[in-house]
N, C-alpha and C. Protein backbone atom coordinates (compact mmCIF):
# COMPACT_ATOMS: atom_id res chain seq x y z
N UNK A 1 -44.93 43.64 -26.20
CA UNK A 1 -44.78 42.54 -25.09
C UNK A 1 -44.54 43.24 -23.76
N UNK A 2 -45.16 42.74 -22.84
CA UNK A 2 -44.94 43.26 -21.41
C UNK A 2 -43.44 42.34 -20.85
N UNK A 3 -43.08 43.04 -19.63
CA UNK A 3 -41.90 42.41 -19.11
C UNK A 3 -42.62 41.22 -18.45
N UNK A 4 -43.84 41.17 -18.19
CA UNK A 4 -44.14 39.49 -17.63
C UNK A 4 -44.22 38.51 -18.56
N UNK A 5 -44.68 38.82 -19.67
CA UNK A 5 -44.66 38.15 -21.03
C UNK A 5 -43.16 37.61 -21.21
N UNK A 6 -42.17 38.45 -21.20
CA UNK A 6 -40.90 38.28 -21.79
C UNK A 6 -40.07 37.38 -20.68
N UNK A 7 -40.55 37.57 -19.32
CA UNK A 7 -40.13 36.73 -18.17
C UNK A 7 -40.54 35.48 -18.50
N UNK A 8 -42.04 35.14 -18.71
CA UNK A 8 -42.48 33.89 -18.84
C UNK A 8 -42.51 32.90 -20.13
N UNK A 9 -41.95 33.69 -21.16
CA UNK A 9 -41.21 33.00 -22.16
C UNK A 9 -39.75 32.60 -21.90
N UNK A 10 -38.87 33.43 -21.37
CA UNK A 10 -37.78 33.12 -20.88
C UNK A 10 -37.84 31.50 -19.59
N UNK A 11 -38.65 31.72 -18.89
CA UNK A 11 -38.68 30.88 -17.75
C UNK A 11 -39.32 29.78 -18.43
N UNK A 12 -40.33 29.47 -19.47
CA UNK A 12 -40.42 28.42 -20.16
C UNK A 12 -39.48 27.72 -21.10
N UNK A 13 -38.59 28.72 -21.86
CA UNK A 13 -37.59 28.21 -22.72
C UNK A 13 -36.77 27.57 -21.61
N UNK A 14 -36.30 28.04 -20.58
CA UNK A 14 -35.29 27.47 -19.39
C UNK A 14 -35.84 26.08 -19.16
N UNK A 15 -36.93 26.08 -18.88
CA UNK A 15 -37.71 24.77 -18.48
C UNK A 15 -37.57 23.53 -19.39
N UNK A 16 -37.85 24.17 -20.59
CA UNK A 16 -37.42 23.08 -21.93
C UNK A 16 -36.10 22.62 -22.15
N UNK A 17 -35.03 23.53 -21.66
CA UNK A 17 -33.71 23.10 -21.96
C UNK A 17 -33.55 22.16 -20.99
N UNK A 18 -34.02 22.54 -19.82
CA UNK A 18 -33.24 21.36 -18.62
C UNK A 18 -34.22 20.05 -19.01
N UNK A 19 -35.35 19.95 -19.43
CA UNK A 19 -36.34 19.14 -20.01
C UNK A 19 -35.41 18.33 -20.83
N UNK A 20 -34.96 18.94 -21.74
CA UNK A 20 -34.06 18.11 -22.73
C UNK A 20 -32.70 17.60 -22.34
N UNK A 21 -32.17 18.22 -21.43
CA UNK A 21 -31.00 17.67 -20.39
C UNK A 21 -31.55 16.58 -19.74
N UNK A 22 -32.29 16.72 -19.04
CA UNK A 22 -33.13 15.31 -18.23
C UNK A 22 -33.38 14.21 -19.07
N UNK A 23 -33.99 14.59 -20.25
CA UNK A 23 -34.09 13.38 -21.09
C UNK A 23 -32.95 12.78 -21.55
N UNK A 24 -32.10 13.53 -21.56
CA UNK A 24 -30.60 12.88 -22.35
C UNK A 24 -29.79 12.22 -21.24
N UNK A 25 -29.75 12.80 -20.18
CA UNK A 25 -29.24 12.27 -19.13
C UNK A 25 -29.98 10.90 -18.77
N UNK A 26 -31.29 11.02 -18.48
CA UNK A 26 -32.26 9.69 -18.37
C UNK A 26 -31.62 8.59 -19.22
N UNK A 27 -31.72 8.94 -20.56
CA UNK A 27 -31.30 8.01 -21.71
C UNK A 27 -30.15 7.26 -21.45
N UNK A 28 -29.26 8.18 -21.06
CA UNK A 28 -27.45 7.58 -20.89
C UNK A 28 -27.66 6.73 -19.42
N UNK A 29 -28.36 7.18 -18.52
CA UNK A 29 -28.38 6.50 -17.06
C UNK A 29 -29.30 5.10 -17.19
N UNK A 30 -29.69 4.92 -18.34
CA UNK A 30 -30.75 3.65 -18.55
C UNK A 30 -29.77 2.52 -18.74
N UNK A 31 -28.52 2.69 -19.01
CA UNK A 31 -27.36 1.41 -19.63
C UNK A 31 -26.64 1.10 -18.02
N UNK A 32 -26.78 -0.19 -18.11
CA UNK A 32 -26.66 -0.90 -16.44
C UNK A 32 -25.03 -0.69 -16.34
N UNK A 33 -24.38 -0.10 -17.51
CA UNK A 33 -22.95 0.03 -16.91
C UNK A 33 -22.63 1.56 -16.39
N UNK A 34 -23.56 2.34 -16.54
CA UNK A 34 -23.62 3.61 -15.97
C UNK A 34 -23.93 3.87 -14.52
N UNK A 35 -22.84 3.90 -14.05
CA UNK A 35 -23.06 4.22 -12.39
C UNK A 35 -23.52 5.65 -12.17
N UNK A 36 -22.87 7.03 -12.47
CA UNK A 36 -23.28 8.27 -12.23
C UNK A 36 -22.88 8.95 -13.73
N UNK A 37 -23.42 10.22 -13.62
CA UNK A 37 -23.33 11.14 -14.93
C UNK A 37 -23.31 12.57 -14.14
N UNK A 38 -22.16 13.25 -14.30
CA UNK A 38 -22.31 14.67 -13.86
C UNK A 38 -21.80 15.66 -15.02
N UNK A 39 -22.46 16.70 -15.10
CA UNK A 39 -22.47 17.54 -15.84
C UNK A 39 -22.08 19.09 -15.11
N UNK A 40 -20.64 19.50 -15.79
CA UNK A 40 -19.85 20.16 -15.01
C UNK A 40 -19.61 21.63 -15.98
N UNK A 41 -19.94 22.59 -15.45
CA UNK A 41 -19.58 23.96 -16.32
C UNK A 41 -18.03 24.22 -16.30
N UNK A 42 -17.60 24.91 -16.99
CA UNK A 42 -15.80 24.98 -17.01
C UNK A 42 -15.10 25.34 -15.93
N UNK A 43 -16.17 26.14 -15.13
CA UNK A 43 -15.55 26.79 -13.34
C UNK A 43 -15.71 25.56 -12.66
N UNK A 44 -16.23 24.40 -12.84
CA UNK A 44 -16.13 23.29 -12.06
C UNK A 44 -17.57 23.53 -11.17
N UNK A 45 -18.50 24.51 -11.60
CA UNK A 45 -20.03 24.10 -10.88
C UNK A 45 -20.47 22.94 -11.72
N UNK A 46 -21.34 22.31 -10.63
CA UNK A 46 -22.10 21.09 -11.33
C UNK A 46 -23.40 21.52 -11.77
N UNK A 47 -23.73 21.22 -12.78
CA UNK A 47 -24.99 21.55 -13.51
C UNK A 47 -26.17 20.80 -13.36
N UNK A 48 -25.80 19.50 -13.35
CA UNK A 48 -26.54 18.32 -13.34
C UNK A 48 -25.95 17.07 -13.03
N UNK A 49 -26.70 16.26 -12.12
CA UNK A 49 -26.27 15.10 -11.75
C UNK A 49 -27.29 13.79 -11.91
N UNK A 50 -26.85 12.57 -12.07
CA UNK A 50 -27.67 11.57 -12.16
C UNK A 50 -26.78 10.13 -11.74
N UNK A 51 -27.36 9.73 -10.55
CA UNK A 51 -26.97 8.74 -9.96
C UNK A 51 -27.59 8.04 -8.81
N UNK A 52 -27.65 6.65 -8.69
CA UNK A 52 -28.39 6.11 -7.61
C UNK A 52 -28.19 6.56 -6.22
N UNK A 53 -29.29 6.66 -5.39
CA UNK A 53 -28.73 7.24 -3.86
C UNK A 53 -27.76 6.54 -3.36
N UNK A 54 -27.42 5.05 -3.33
CA UNK A 54 -26.47 4.63 -2.71
C UNK A 54 -25.23 5.03 -3.19
N UNK A 55 -25.22 5.80 -4.18
CA UNK A 55 -23.57 6.30 -4.78
C UNK A 55 -23.46 7.73 -4.32
N UNK A 56 -24.35 8.14 -3.59
CA UNK A 56 -24.16 9.65 -3.22
C UNK A 56 -22.72 9.73 -2.59
N UNK A 57 -22.40 8.94 -1.80
CA UNK A 57 -21.02 9.49 -0.90
C UNK A 57 -19.99 9.30 -1.75
N UNK A 58 -19.93 8.26 -2.77
CA UNK A 58 -18.98 8.18 -3.65
C UNK A 58 -18.82 9.41 -4.74
N UNK A 59 -20.24 10.01 -4.96
CA UNK A 59 -20.30 11.05 -5.93
C UNK A 59 -19.42 12.31 -5.39
N UNK A 60 -19.77 12.44 -4.31
CA UNK A 60 -18.87 13.77 -3.37
C UNK A 60 -17.32 13.43 -3.70
N UNK A 61 -16.91 12.11 -3.72
CA UNK A 61 -15.35 12.02 -3.75
C UNK A 61 -14.87 12.40 -5.24
N UNK A 62 -15.77 11.88 -6.21
CA UNK A 62 -15.69 12.29 -7.68
C UNK A 62 -15.98 13.65 -7.99
N UNK A 63 -17.04 14.12 -7.44
CA UNK A 63 -17.12 15.47 -7.89
C UNK A 63 -15.99 16.43 -7.37
N UNK A 64 -15.40 16.29 -6.03
CA UNK A 64 -14.20 16.93 -5.65
C UNK A 64 -13.04 16.79 -6.48
N UNK A 65 -12.76 15.40 -6.84
CA UNK A 65 -11.59 15.31 -7.78
C UNK A 65 -11.70 16.00 -9.19
N UNK A 66 -12.92 15.82 -9.68
CA UNK A 66 -13.05 16.46 -11.10
C UNK A 66 -12.69 18.21 -11.12
N UNK A 67 -13.39 18.38 -10.16
CA UNK A 67 -13.21 19.76 -9.67
C UNK A 67 -11.65 20.35 -9.56
N UNK A 68 -11.24 19.48 -9.02
CA UNK A 68 -9.50 19.98 -8.88
C UNK A 68 -8.91 19.62 -10.23
N UNK A 69 -9.45 18.70 -11.24
CA UNK A 69 -8.61 18.53 -12.49
C UNK A 69 -9.50 19.17 -13.62
N UNK A 70 -10.44 20.06 -13.32
CA UNK A 70 -11.19 20.45 -14.74
C UNK A 70 -10.34 21.19 -15.26
N UNK A 71 -10.02 22.03 -15.03
CA UNK A 71 -9.04 23.18 -15.95
C UNK A 71 -8.08 22.54 -16.76
N UNK A 72 -7.31 21.14 -16.35
CA UNK A 72 -6.19 20.40 -17.01
C UNK A 72 -7.17 19.56 -18.03
N UNK A 73 -7.95 19.06 -17.66
CA UNK A 73 -9.04 18.21 -18.49
C UNK A 73 -9.46 18.87 -19.72
N UNK A 74 -9.87 20.25 -19.36
CA UNK A 74 -10.58 20.63 -20.28
C UNK A 74 -9.54 21.63 -21.58
N UNK A 75 -8.30 21.59 -20.96
CA UNK A 75 -7.35 22.08 -22.00
C UNK A 75 -6.90 21.08 -23.13
N UNK A 76 -7.09 19.63 -22.44
CA UNK A 76 -6.68 18.17 -23.14
C UNK A 76 -7.69 17.91 -24.19
N UNK A 77 -9.21 18.27 -23.68
CA UNK A 77 -10.28 18.11 -24.54
C UNK A 77 -10.27 19.06 -25.66
N UNK A 78 -9.84 20.52 -25.59
CA UNK A 78 -9.97 21.53 -26.34
C UNK A 78 -8.79 21.48 -27.39
N UNK A 79 -7.88 20.87 -26.95
CA UNK A 79 -6.57 20.50 -28.09
C UNK A 79 -6.86 19.27 -28.84
N UNK A 80 -8.04 18.40 -28.83
CA UNK A 80 -8.32 17.58 -29.86
C UNK A 80 -8.47 16.23 -29.23
N UNK A 81 -8.57 15.90 -28.09
CA UNK A 81 -8.92 14.50 -27.44
C UNK A 81 -10.29 14.58 -27.76
N UNK A 82 -10.56 13.44 -28.27
CA UNK A 82 -12.01 13.13 -28.12
C UNK A 82 -12.89 12.94 -26.88
N UNK A 83 -12.10 12.15 -26.23
CA UNK A 83 -12.63 11.95 -24.58
C UNK A 83 -11.31 11.52 -23.83
N UNK A 84 -11.48 11.82 -22.30
CA UNK A 84 -10.40 11.50 -21.60
C UNK A 84 -10.88 10.35 -20.61
N UNK A 85 -10.05 9.34 -20.21
CA UNK A 85 -10.33 8.42 -19.23
C UNK A 85 -9.52 8.32 -18.45
N UNK A 86 -10.01 8.38 -17.10
CA UNK A 86 -9.36 7.90 -15.92
C UNK A 86 -9.66 6.71 -15.25
N UNK A 87 -8.85 6.12 -14.52
CA UNK A 87 -9.63 4.92 -13.47
C UNK A 87 -9.21 5.43 -12.22
N UNK A 88 -10.58 5.78 -11.45
CA UNK A 88 -10.51 6.47 -10.28
C UNK A 88 -10.76 5.52 -9.05
N UNK A 89 -9.79 5.42 -7.92
CA UNK A 89 -10.31 4.84 -6.92
C UNK A 89 -11.27 5.45 -5.96
N UNK A 90 -12.39 4.90 -5.91
CA UNK A 90 -13.14 5.47 -5.18
C UNK A 90 -13.36 4.82 -3.56
N UNK A 91 -12.82 3.73 -3.40
CA UNK A 91 -12.96 3.22 -2.02
C UNK A 91 -11.44 2.31 -2.31
N UNK A 92 -11.07 1.87 -1.10
CA UNK A 92 -9.83 1.14 -1.12
C UNK A 92 -9.68 -0.30 -2.07
N UNK A 93 -11.02 -0.36 -2.27
CA UNK A 93 -11.12 -1.78 -3.14
C UNK A 93 -11.88 -1.70 -4.46
N UNK A 94 -12.63 -0.45 -4.60
CA UNK A 94 -13.03 -0.10 -5.94
C UNK A 94 -12.51 0.75 -6.82
N UNK A 95 -12.24 0.55 -8.17
CA UNK A 95 -11.52 1.49 -9.09
C UNK A 95 -12.46 1.53 -10.14
N UNK A 96 -13.04 2.32 -10.61
CA UNK A 96 -13.98 2.83 -11.55
C UNK A 96 -13.40 3.73 -12.79
N UNK A 97 -13.81 3.29 -14.01
CA UNK A 97 -13.61 4.04 -15.18
C UNK A 97 -14.12 5.52 -15.28
N UNK A 98 -13.78 6.72 -15.35
CA UNK A 98 -14.47 8.01 -15.35
C UNK A 98 -13.98 8.62 -16.76
N UNK A 99 -14.91 8.78 -17.55
CA UNK A 99 -14.97 9.36 -18.69
C UNK A 99 -15.13 10.83 -18.87
N UNK A 100 -14.56 11.72 -19.45
CA UNK A 100 -14.76 13.23 -19.63
C UNK A 100 -15.03 13.49 -21.04
N UNK A 101 -16.03 14.17 -21.27
CA UNK A 101 -16.15 14.73 -22.71
C UNK A 101 -16.64 15.97 -22.78
N UNK A 102 -16.08 16.64 -23.93
CA UNK A 102 -16.48 18.09 -23.93
C UNK A 102 -17.81 18.11 -24.48
N UNK A 103 -18.87 19.02 -23.64
CA UNK A 103 -20.01 19.19 -24.11
C UNK A 103 -20.31 20.41 -24.47
N UNK A 104 -20.34 20.73 -25.77
CA UNK A 104 -20.47 22.08 -26.11
C UNK A 104 -19.35 23.18 -25.88
N UNK A 105 -19.24 24.15 -25.87
CA UNK A 105 -18.31 25.11 -25.57
C UNK A 105 -17.98 25.44 -24.21
N UNK A 106 -18.93 25.03 -23.31
CA UNK A 106 -18.92 25.53 -21.86
C UNK A 106 -19.16 24.44 -20.68
N UNK A 107 -19.08 23.41 -21.17
CA UNK A 107 -19.47 22.24 -20.25
C UNK A 107 -18.42 20.89 -20.52
N UNK A 108 -18.30 20.26 -19.48
CA UNK A 108 -17.93 18.69 -19.75
C UNK A 108 -18.90 17.84 -19.01
N UNK A 109 -18.99 16.67 -20.00
CA UNK A 109 -19.87 15.51 -19.18
C UNK A 109 -18.99 14.67 -18.74
N UNK A 110 -19.19 14.25 -17.35
CA UNK A 110 -18.46 13.32 -16.88
C UNK A 110 -19.22 12.09 -16.69
N UNK A 111 -18.77 10.76 -17.00
CA UNK A 111 -19.60 9.52 -16.78
C UNK A 111 -18.62 8.50 -16.04
N UNK A 112 -19.43 7.78 -15.17
CA UNK A 112 -18.60 6.91 -13.78
C UNK A 112 -19.28 5.80 -14.61
N UNK A 113 -18.17 4.61 -14.96
CA UNK A 113 -18.98 3.45 -15.11
C UNK A 113 -18.47 2.15 -14.37
N UNK A 114 -19.17 1.27 -14.54
CA UNK A 114 -18.92 0.01 -13.66
C UNK A 114 -17.41 -0.30 -14.04
N UNK A 115 -16.89 -1.23 -13.34
CA UNK A 115 -15.43 -1.41 -13.30
C UNK A 115 -15.30 -2.57 -14.51
N UNK A 116 -16.65 -3.44 -14.87
CA UNK A 116 -16.23 -4.02 -15.90
C UNK A 116 -17.42 -3.94 -17.22
N UNK A 117 -17.61 -2.52 -17.21
CA UNK A 117 -18.54 -2.06 -18.49
C UNK A 117 -17.66 -2.45 -19.54
N UNK A 118 -18.76 -2.65 -20.69
CA UNK A 118 -18.62 -2.66 -22.28
C UNK A 118 -18.02 -1.31 -22.58
N UNK A 119 -16.92 -1.17 -22.53
CA UNK A 119 -16.31 0.49 -23.09
C UNK A 119 -16.51 0.48 -24.44
N UNK A 120 -16.51 -0.46 -25.12
CA UNK A 120 -16.64 0.02 -26.69
C UNK A 120 -17.70 0.55 -27.15
N UNK A 121 -19.03 -0.29 -26.58
CA UNK A 121 -20.64 0.31 -26.56
C UNK A 121 -20.78 1.80 -26.01
N UNK A 122 -20.07 2.15 -24.91
CA UNK A 122 -20.35 2.97 -23.87
C UNK A 122 -19.77 4.46 -24.47
N UNK A 123 -18.62 4.24 -24.93
CA UNK A 123 -17.77 5.24 -25.74
C UNK A 123 -18.63 5.99 -26.59
N UNK A 124 -19.27 5.09 -27.59
CA UNK A 124 -19.97 5.51 -28.71
C UNK A 124 -21.40 6.32 -28.02
N UNK A 125 -21.84 5.55 -27.11
CA UNK A 125 -23.06 6.07 -26.53
C UNK A 125 -22.57 7.36 -25.85
N UNK A 126 -21.96 7.64 -25.00
CA UNK A 126 -21.06 8.69 -23.94
C UNK A 126 -21.07 9.60 -25.43
N UNK A 127 -20.17 9.53 -26.36
CA UNK A 127 -19.83 10.71 -27.34
C UNK A 127 -21.02 11.30 -27.93
N UNK A 128 -22.04 10.71 -28.17
CA UNK A 128 -23.24 10.71 -28.83
C UNK A 128 -24.07 12.01 -27.93
N UNK A 129 -24.07 11.29 -26.55
CA UNK A 129 -24.82 12.30 -25.59
C UNK A 129 -24.12 13.39 -25.40
N UNK A 130 -22.88 13.45 -25.43
CA UNK A 130 -21.84 14.81 -25.14
C UNK A 130 -22.18 15.59 -26.38
N UNK A 131 -22.27 15.12 -27.67
CA UNK A 131 -22.76 15.80 -28.78
C UNK A 131 -24.06 16.67 -28.56
N UNK A 132 -25.02 16.07 -28.00
CA UNK A 132 -26.20 16.31 -27.88
C UNK A 132 -26.62 17.26 -26.80
N UNK A 133 -25.78 16.90 -25.76
CA UNK A 133 -25.77 17.60 -24.70
C UNK A 133 -25.25 19.29 -25.10
N UNK A 134 -24.04 19.23 -25.49
CA UNK A 134 -23.53 20.35 -26.11
C UNK A 134 -24.31 21.21 -27.04
N UNK A 135 -25.04 20.35 -28.15
CA UNK A 135 -25.99 21.25 -28.81
C UNK A 135 -27.01 22.22 -27.98
N UNK A 136 -27.38 21.29 -26.91
CA UNK A 136 -28.66 21.78 -26.07
C UNK A 136 -28.19 23.35 -25.33
N UNK A 137 -27.12 22.85 -24.74
CA UNK A 137 -26.50 24.23 -23.97
C UNK A 137 -26.15 25.38 -24.93
N UNK A 138 -25.41 25.05 -25.93
CA UNK A 138 -25.01 26.01 -26.78
C UNK A 138 -26.06 26.85 -27.57
N UNK A 139 -27.11 25.97 -27.69
CA UNK A 139 -28.31 26.68 -28.18
C UNK A 139 -28.67 27.74 -27.40
N UNK A 140 -29.00 27.28 -25.90
CA UNK A 140 -29.22 28.12 -24.83
C UNK A 140 -28.36 29.36 -24.91
N UNK A 141 -27.23 29.16 -25.04
CA UNK A 141 -26.38 30.34 -24.83
C UNK A 141 -26.60 31.31 -25.90
N UNK A 142 -26.39 30.82 -26.90
CA UNK A 142 -26.99 31.75 -28.35
C UNK A 142 -28.16 32.20 -28.40
N UNK A 143 -29.33 31.89 -27.62
CA UNK A 143 -30.56 32.61 -27.81
C UNK A 143 -30.47 33.54 -26.59
N UNK A 144 -29.80 33.20 -25.70
CA UNK A 144 -29.69 34.11 -24.46
C UNK A 144 -30.60 33.68 -23.25
N UNK A 145 -31.07 32.40 -23.13
CA UNK A 145 -31.94 31.97 -22.09
C UNK A 145 -31.18 31.75 -20.97
């Protein structure tokens, strides 16, 4: 096998992984209660986001805040918490629930919901998505893609 073929196979594999991630994030973002989805590496780097254009400015606020607490949140999630919920003020009059889920061994899924979201249903769906995303990311790391 030539180096070009190996590179090509790795490129195809990486694209496939990101396609699966995009599908999972698309599925979750179809819920009306979901405002934004962010996938972070443990070092605070954003891997993926999904949000409406009108939320872009607020996304910067959320992203900076998440980066400032990601280590603490990771410790809590690794110590057995299934999820962590914060209520975050994004403007003077808007407070939204923000959920954190461990997504595999190296990522955190952050989901911002509408303030009046159906949290019971959403917690089930967010938890399932976090598990699927974790499987995708961990499999990619195991294979070395």
